[in-house]
Amino acid sequence: MRQKGMKLSPEAIRATGTVARLSYTRHPLGEPTQWNRIFDVVTGQEIGSLRGANIKLIDGGIKISGWDGGDKVQIWWCVPLTPEQDDELRRALGKAPPAK
């Protein structure tokens, strides 16, 4: 929802969306998570990370806010794949048997 600390327009947010795998490390005392990372589903390479992140469930998705490694606030809006979308992605990546 932000790029280099600057708020993006709704159109820019939609245009920059990507399918990625989310990973996070919980803080042992229930504080904001220590790290959130997203990885490209095809290459496995890290494409973003946040520190001191807060995770909130809102409006059918997940809002994650934190810092992008510097002093800039970053917000990610994540929408989990439906089971059907997940199956389709796995087939496209060759990680699941073909649909029956």
N, C-alpha and C. Protein backbone atom coordinates (compact mmCIF):
# COMPACT_ATOMS: atom_id res chain seq x y z
N MET A 1 0.81 -1.18 0.00
CA MET A 1 0.00 0.00 0.00
C MET A 1 0.87 1.26 0.00
N ARG A 2 2.16 1.06 0.20
CA ARG A 2 3.12 2.16 0.14
C ARG A 2 4.34 1.71 -0.65
N GLN A 3 5.01 2.66 -1.26
CA GLN A 3 6.24 2.36 -1.96
C GLN A 3 7.25 3.43 -1.60
N LYS A 4 8.38 3.00 -1.04
CA LYS A 4 9.40 3.94 -0.55
C LYS A 4 8.81 4.95 0.42
N GLY A 5 7.87 4.49 1.24
CA GLY A 5 7.26 5.33 2.26
C GLY A 5 6.11 6.19 1.79
N MET A 6 5.87 6.26 0.50
CA MET A 6 4.80 7.10 -0.04
C MET A 6 3.55 6.27 -0.28
N LYS A 7 2.40 6.80 0.11
CA LYS A 7 1.13 6.11 -0.05
C LYS A 7 0.78 5.98 -1.54
N LEU A 8 0.36 4.77 -1.95
CA LEU A 8 -0.02 4.52 -3.34
C LEU A 8 -1.52 4.72 -3.54
N SER A 9 -1.92 5.06 -4.75
CA SER A 9 -3.34 5.18 -5.09
C SER A 9 -3.94 3.77 -5.18
N PRO A 10 -5.27 3.65 -5.06
CA PRO A 10 -5.90 2.33 -5.19
C PRO A 10 -5.55 1.65 -6.53
N GLU A 11 -5.45 2.43 -7.60
CA GLU A 11 -5.10 1.87 -8.91
C GLU A 11 -3.68 1.30 -8.90
N ALA A 12 -2.76 2.03 -8.29
CA ALA A 12 -1.36 1.57 -8.21
C ALA A 12 -1.25 0.33 -7.34
N ILE A 13 -2.04 0.27 -6.27
CA ILE A 13 -2.02 -0.90 -5.40
C ILE A 13 -2.46 -2.13 -6.19
N ARG A 14 -3.55 -2.01 -6.94
CA ARG A 14 -4.04 -3.15 -7.74
C ARG A 14 -3.01 -3.55 -8.80
N ALA A 15 -2.35 -2.57 -9.40
CA ALA A 15 -1.39 -2.84 -10.48
C ALA A 15 -0.11 -3.51 -9.98
N THR A 16 0.22 -3.32 -8.71
CA THR A 16 1.46 -3.88 -8.18
C THR A 16 1.25 -5.18 -7.43
N GLY A 17 0.04 -5.70 -7.40
CA GLY A 17 -0.23 -6.94 -6.69
C GLY A 17 0.52 -8.12 -7.29
N THR A 18 0.83 -9.08 -6.45
CA THR A 18 1.53 -10.28 -6.90
C THR A 18 1.12 -11.46 -6.02
N VAL A 19 1.26 -12.65 -6.56
CA VAL A 19 1.02 -13.86 -5.77
C VAL A 19 2.33 -14.21 -5.09
N ALA A 20 2.31 -14.28 -3.77
CA ALA A 20 3.53 -14.53 -3.01
C ALA A 20 3.21 -15.39 -1.80
N ARG A 21 4.25 -15.96 -1.22
CA ARG A 21 4.12 -16.75 0.01
C ARG A 21 4.56 -15.87 1.17
N LEU A 22 3.73 -15.80 2.20
CA LEU A 22 3.99 -14.97 3.37
C LEU A 22 4.59 -15.82 4.48
N SER A 23 5.61 -15.31 5.13
CA SER A 23 6.25 -15.99 6.26
C SER A 23 6.43 -14.96 7.37
N TYR A 24 6.24 -15.37 8.61
CA TYR A 24 6.46 -14.42 9.70
C TYR A 24 7.01 -15.14 10.92
N THR A 25 7.70 -14.36 11.75
CA THR A 25 8.26 -14.86 13.00
C THR A 25 7.52 -14.17 14.13
N ARG A 26 6.87 -14.95 14.97
CA ARG A 26 6.13 -14.37 16.09
C ARG A 26 7.08 -13.91 17.18
N HIS A 27 6.70 -12.83 17.82
CA HIS A 27 7.45 -12.35 18.98
C HIS A 27 7.10 -13.26 20.15
N PRO A 28 8.07 -13.68 20.95
CA PRO A 28 7.78 -14.62 22.04
C PRO A 28 6.83 -14.11 23.12
N LEU A 29 6.67 -12.79 23.25
CA LEU A 29 5.81 -12.24 24.29
C LEU A 29 4.50 -11.68 23.76
N GLY A 30 4.16 -12.01 22.52
CA GLY A 30 2.90 -11.55 21.97
C GLY A 30 2.93 -10.12 21.44
N GLU A 31 4.10 -9.52 21.42
CA GLU A 31 4.25 -8.18 20.86
C GLU A 31 4.14 -8.27 19.34
N PRO A 32 4.25 -7.12 18.64
CA PRO A 32 4.25 -7.21 17.17
C PRO A 32 5.29 -8.22 16.70
N THR A 33 5.01 -8.85 15.58
CA THR A 33 5.93 -9.86 15.09
C THR A 33 7.30 -9.23 14.83
N GLN A 34 8.32 -10.05 14.91
CA GLN A 34 9.66 -9.53 14.69
C GLN A 34 9.91 -9.29 13.20
N TRP A 35 9.49 -10.21 12.36
CA TRP A 35 9.73 -10.11 10.91
C TRP A 35 8.57 -10.69 10.13
N ASN A 36 8.29 -10.09 9.01
CA ASN A 36 7.40 -10.65 8.00
C ASN A 36 8.19 -10.63 6.70
N ARG A 37 8.09 -11.70 5.95
CA ARG A 37 8.78 -11.76 4.66
C ARG A 37 7.82 -12.31 3.62
N ILE A 38 7.97 -11.84 2.39
CA ILE A 38 7.20 -12.43 1.30
C ILE A 38 8.19 -12.94 0.26
N PHE A 39 7.82 -14.09 -0.33
CA PHE A 39 8.67 -14.77 -1.28
C PHE A 39 7.93 -15.01 -2.59
N ASP A 40 8.61 -14.85 -3.69
CA ASP A 40 8.06 -15.15 -5.01
C ASP A 40 7.72 -16.64 -5.04
N VAL A 41 6.51 -16.99 -5.47
CA VAL A 41 6.08 -18.39 -5.45
C VAL A 41 6.79 -19.23 -6.51
N VAL A 42 7.31 -18.60 -7.55
CA VAL A 42 7.99 -19.36 -8.61
C VAL A 42 9.47 -19.56 -8.29
N THR A 43 10.17 -18.46 -7.95
CA THR A 43 11.62 -18.54 -7.73
C THR A 43 12.00 -18.84 -6.29
N GLY A 44 11.10 -18.53 -5.34
CA GLY A 44 11.42 -18.70 -3.93
C GLY A 44 12.24 -17.55 -3.35
N GLN A 45 12.58 -16.57 -4.18
CA GLN A 45 13.38 -15.44 -3.71
C GLN A 45 12.54 -14.48 -2.88
N GLU A 46 13.18 -13.92 -1.84
CA GLU A 46 12.51 -12.91 -1.02
C GLU A 46 12.27 -11.66 -1.84
N ILE A 47 11.04 -11.13 -1.79
CA ILE A 47 10.72 -9.93 -2.54
C ILE A 47 10.32 -8.76 -1.63
N GLY A 48 10.29 -9.01 -0.32
CA GLY A 48 9.98 -7.94 0.62
C GLY A 48 10.08 -8.42 2.05
N SER A 49 10.34 -7.49 2.96
CA SER A 49 10.36 -7.84 4.38
C SER A 49 9.96 -6.62 5.20
N LEU A 50 9.40 -6.91 6.36
CA LEU A 50 9.01 -5.86 7.31
C LEU A 50 9.51 -6.25 8.69
N ARG A 51 9.91 -5.28 9.47
CA ARG A 51 10.28 -5.56 10.87
C ARG A 51 9.27 -4.86 11.78
N GLY A 52 9.12 -5.40 12.99
CA GLY A 52 8.19 -4.82 13.95
C GLY A 52 6.77 -4.78 13.43
N ALA A 53 6.38 -5.81 12.71
CA ALA A 53 5.10 -5.79 12.00
C ALA A 53 3.91 -6.13 12.90
N ASN A 54 2.80 -5.46 12.63
CA ASN A 54 1.51 -5.75 13.26
C ASN A 54 0.61 -6.39 12.21
N ILE A 55 -0.04 -7.48 12.57
CA ILE A 55 -0.92 -8.19 11.66
C ILE A 55 -2.35 -8.03 12.15
N LYS A 56 -3.25 -7.59 11.26
CA LYS A 56 -4.67 -7.45 11.60
C LYS A 56 -5.51 -8.10 10.52
N LEU A 57 -6.54 -8.82 10.94
CA LEU A 57 -7.49 -9.39 10.00
C LEU A 57 -8.58 -8.36 9.77
N ILE A 58 -8.75 -7.91 8.51
CA ILE A 58 -9.79 -6.95 8.20
C ILE A 58 -10.34 -7.18 6.81
N ASP A 59 -11.61 -6.96 6.64
CA ASP A 59 -12.27 -6.97 5.34
C ASP A 59 -11.89 -8.15 4.44
N GLY A 60 -11.90 -9.36 4.97
CA GLY A 60 -11.62 -10.54 4.17
C GLY A 60 -10.17 -10.70 3.79
N GLY A 61 -9.27 -9.97 4.43
CA GLY A 61 -7.85 -10.07 4.12
C GLY A 61 -7.02 -9.83 5.36
N ILE A 62 -5.75 -9.62 5.14
CA ILE A 62 -4.82 -9.40 6.23
C ILE A 62 -4.07 -8.11 5.94
N LYS A 63 -4.04 -7.21 6.91
CA LYS A 63 -3.28 -5.96 6.79
C LYS A 63 -2.05 -6.09 7.68
N ILE A 64 -0.88 -5.90 7.08
CA ILE A 64 0.36 -6.01 7.82
C ILE A 64 1.09 -4.68 7.70
N SER A 65 1.39 -4.06 8.83
CA SER A 65 2.12 -2.79 8.81
C SER A 65 3.40 -2.93 9.62
N GLY A 66 4.44 -2.28 9.15
CA GLY A 66 5.73 -2.33 9.83
C GLY A 66 6.71 -1.39 9.13
N TRP A 67 8.00 -1.65 9.31
CA TRP A 67 9.04 -0.83 8.71
C TRP A 67 9.80 -1.67 7.69
N ASP A 68 10.16 -1.04 6.59
CA ASP A 68 10.77 -1.75 5.47
C ASP A 68 12.28 -1.93 5.57
N GLY A 69 12.83 -1.94 6.75
CA GLY A 69 14.26 -2.09 6.92
C GLY A 69 14.94 -0.76 7.18
N GLY A 70 14.27 0.31 6.82
CA GLY A 70 14.76 1.65 7.11
C GLY A 70 13.81 2.29 8.09
N ASP A 71 13.54 3.55 7.87
CA ASP A 71 12.61 4.25 8.75
C ASP A 71 11.28 4.53 8.07
N LYS A 72 11.05 3.88 6.93
CA LYS A 72 9.81 4.11 6.18
C LYS A 72 8.75 3.09 6.56
N VAL A 73 7.55 3.60 6.84
CA VAL A 73 6.41 2.73 7.15
C VAL A 73 5.97 2.04 5.86
N GLN A 74 5.65 0.77 5.97
CA GLN A 74 5.17 0.00 4.83
C GLN A 74 3.91 -0.74 5.28
N ILE A 75 2.95 -0.84 4.40
CA ILE A 75 1.73 -1.59 4.70
C ILE A 75 1.48 -2.56 3.56
N TRP A 76 1.26 -3.81 3.91
CA TRP A 76 0.91 -4.84 2.93
C TRP A 76 -0.55 -5.20 3.13
N TRP A 77 -1.26 -5.38 2.05
CA TRP A 77 -2.63 -5.88 2.07
C TRP A 77 -2.57 -7.25 1.43
N CYS A 78 -2.87 -8.29 2.18
CA CYS A 78 -2.77 -9.66 1.69
C CYS A 78 -4.16 -10.29 1.66
N VAL A 79 -4.47 -10.95 0.56
CA VAL A 79 -5.73 -11.66 0.43
C VAL A 79 -5.40 -13.13 0.20
N PRO A 80 -5.75 -14.00 1.14
CA PRO A 80 -5.45 -15.42 0.97
C PRO A 80 -6.14 -15.99 -0.26
N LEU A 81 -5.47 -16.93 -0.91
CA LEU A 81 -6.07 -17.62 -2.05
C LEU A 81 -7.21 -18.51 -1.57
N THR A 82 -8.23 -18.64 -2.39
CA THR A 82 -9.28 -19.62 -2.10
C THR A 82 -8.67 -21.00 -2.35
N PRO A 83 -9.27 -22.07 -1.83
CA PRO A 83 -8.75 -23.41 -2.12
C PRO A 83 -8.66 -23.69 -3.63
N GLU A 84 -9.63 -23.19 -4.39
CA GLU A 84 -9.62 -23.40 -5.84
C GLU A 84 -8.44 -22.65 -6.47
N GLN A 85 -8.20 -21.42 -6.05
CA GLN A 85 -7.07 -20.64 -6.58
C GLN A 85 -5.75 -21.30 -6.21
N ASP A 86 -5.66 -21.82 -4.98
CA ASP A 86 -4.45 -22.50 -4.54
C ASP A 86 -4.19 -23.75 -5.39
N ASP A 87 -5.23 -24.54 -5.64
CA ASP A 87 -5.08 -25.73 -6.49
C ASP A 87 -4.63 -25.35 -7.88
N GLU A 88 -5.22 -24.29 -8.45
CA GLU A 88 -4.86 -23.83 -9.78
C GLU A 88 -3.39 -23.38 -9.83
N LEU A 89 -2.96 -22.66 -8.81
CA LEU A 89 -1.57 -22.20 -8.74
C LEU A 89 -0.62 -23.39 -8.63
N ARG A 90 -0.95 -24.36 -7.78
CA ARG A 90 -0.10 -25.54 -7.63
C ARG A 90 0.03 -26.31 -8.95
N ARG A 91 -1.08 -26.44 -9.67
CA ARG A 91 -1.03 -27.13 -10.97
C ARG A 91 -0.16 -26.35 -11.94
N ALA A 92 -0.31 -25.02 -11.96
CA ALA A 92 0.46 -24.18 -12.88
C ALA A 92 1.96 -24.28 -12.57
N LEU A 93 2.31 -24.45 -11.31
CA LEU A 93 3.71 -24.56 -10.92
C LEU A 93 4.22 -26.00 -10.98
N GLY A 94 3.33 -26.93 -11.35
CA GLY A 94 3.72 -28.33 -11.44
C GLY A 94 3.93 -28.99 -10.09
N LYS A 95 3.24 -28.48 -9.06
CA LYS A 95 3.41 -29.00 -7.70
C LYS A 95 2.18 -29.78 -7.21
N ALA A 96 1.28 -30.07 -8.11
CA ALA A 96 0.08 -30.81 -7.71
C ALA A 96 -0.36 -31.67 -8.89
N PRO A 97 -1.05 -32.76 -8.61
CA PRO A 97 -1.56 -33.59 -9.71
C PRO A 97 -2.64 -32.84 -10.48
N PRO A 98 -2.85 -33.15 -11.76
CA PRO A 98 -3.90 -32.49 -12.54
C PRO A 98 -5.26 -32.67 -11.90
N ALA A 99 -6.15 -31.73 -12.16
CA ALA A 99 -7.52 -31.80 -11.63
C ALA A 99 -8.23 -33.01 -12.24
N LYS A 100 -9.13 -33.59 -11.45
CA LYS A 100 -9.91 -34.75 -11.93
C LYS A 100 -11.06 -34.33 -12.77
